[in-house]
Amino acid sequence: MARGQRKTIDEKITAKQEMIEALMTRVESEKRELEELYQEKRRKELEAVSALIEEAGLSAEEVVGVLQQYLDNREEMVS
């Protein structure tokens, strides 16, 4: 039974190059989508922190001060 016409090595190389290019395009697209998801996650986390600060009636400066104090204390405990 006759098989289809065999591809030349040049045709195989071209096909592989095209496949790689298509995959690279897909990878770049997926990377962009992943970055968008990271940004969305960060935005939601910041919104939650902002809501907590507002609920507590604190200013941003107060929160920064408290966090800095916490970090300083934690660093002293580790050292």
Protein backbone atom coordinates (compact mmCIF):
# COMPACT_ATOMS: atom_id res chain seq x y z
CA MET A 1 0.00 0.00 0.00
CA ALA A 2 1.44 3.36 -0.96
CA ARG A 3 2.27 5.85 1.72
CA GLY A 4 1.97 9.59 1.25
CA GLN A 5 4.84 11.50 -0.24
CA ARG A 6 7.73 11.79 2.23
CA LYS A 7 8.70 15.26 3.42
CA THR A 8 12.15 16.50 2.65
CA ILE A 9 14.48 17.42 5.49
CA ASP A 10 14.04 21.10 4.59
CA GLU A 11 10.26 20.75 4.87
CA LYS A 12 10.64 19.06 8.24
CA ILE A 13 12.96 21.83 9.44
CA THR A 14 10.52 24.50 8.27
CA ALA A 15 7.62 22.73 9.98
CA LYS A 16 9.56 22.51 13.27
CA GLN A 17 10.54 26.18 13.06
CA GLU A 18 6.91 27.14 12.51
CA MET A 19 5.82 24.97 15.43
CA ILE A 20 8.44 26.54 17.70
CA GLU A 21 7.38 30.04 16.66
CA ALA A 22 3.75 29.21 17.38
CA LEU A 23 4.68 27.78 20.78
CA MET A 24 6.78 30.84 21.63
CA THR A 25 3.85 33.07 20.74
CA ARG A 26 1.64 30.99 23.01
CA VAL A 27 4.20 31.16 25.85
CA GLU A 28 4.37 34.96 25.57
CA SER A 29 0.59 35.15 25.62
CA GLU A 30 0.43 32.94 28.71
CA LYS A 31 3.11 35.04 30.42
CA ARG A 32 1.07 38.20 29.80
CA GLU A 33 -2.03 36.52 31.20
CA LEU A 34 -0.10 35.36 34.26
CA GLU A 35 1.21 38.89 34.86
CA GLU A 36 -2.34 40.23 34.62
CA LEU A 37 -3.44 37.67 37.23
CA TYR A 38 -0.58 38.69 39.55
CA GLN A 39 -1.60 42.33 39.17
CA GLU A 40 -5.25 41.50 39.89
CA LYS A 41 -4.23 39.54 42.98
CA ARG A 42 -2.06 42.41 44.21
CA ARG A 43 -4.87 44.91 43.62
CA LYS A 44 -7.32 42.76 45.61
CA GLU A 45 -4.81 42.36 48.45
CA LEU A 46 -4.23 46.11 48.53
CA GLU A 47 -7.98 46.74 48.52
CA ALA A 48 -8.37 44.39 51.50
CA VAL A 49 -5.56 46.12 53.40
CA SER A 50 -6.99 49.52 52.54
CA ALA A 51 -10.44 48.48 53.79
CA LEU A 52 -8.93 47.19 57.05
CA ILE A 53 -7.01 50.43 57.57
CA GLU A 54 -10.12 52.47 56.90
CA GLU A 55 -12.21 50.26 59.20
CA ALA A 56 -9.64 50.69 61.96
CA GLY A 57 -9.62 54.44 61.46
CA LEU A 58 -5.87 54.58 60.99
CA SER A 59 -3.85 56.78 58.69
CA ALA A 60 -1.33 55.36 56.27
CA GLU A 61 1.45 56.95 58.32
CA GLU A 62 0.26 55.20 61.48
CA VAL A 63 0.17 51.86 59.71
CA VAL A 64 3.67 52.39 58.32
CA GLY A 65 4.91 53.24 61.82
CA VAL A 66 3.33 50.16 63.37
CA LEU A 67 4.69 47.90 60.66
CA GLN A 68 8.15 49.39 60.96
CA GLN A 69 8.09 48.86 64.71
CA TYR A 70 6.98 45.27 64.20
CA LEU A 71 9.78 44.63 61.69
CA ASP A 72 12.35 46.19 64.02
CA ASN A 73 11.16 44.01 66.94
CA ARG A 74 11.15 40.90 64.80
CA GLU A 75 14.67 41.60 63.57
CA GLU A 76 15.87 42.02 67.16
CA MET A 77 14.32 38.68 68.10
CA VAL A 78 16.01 36.90 65.19
CA SER A 79 19.44 38.40 65.90
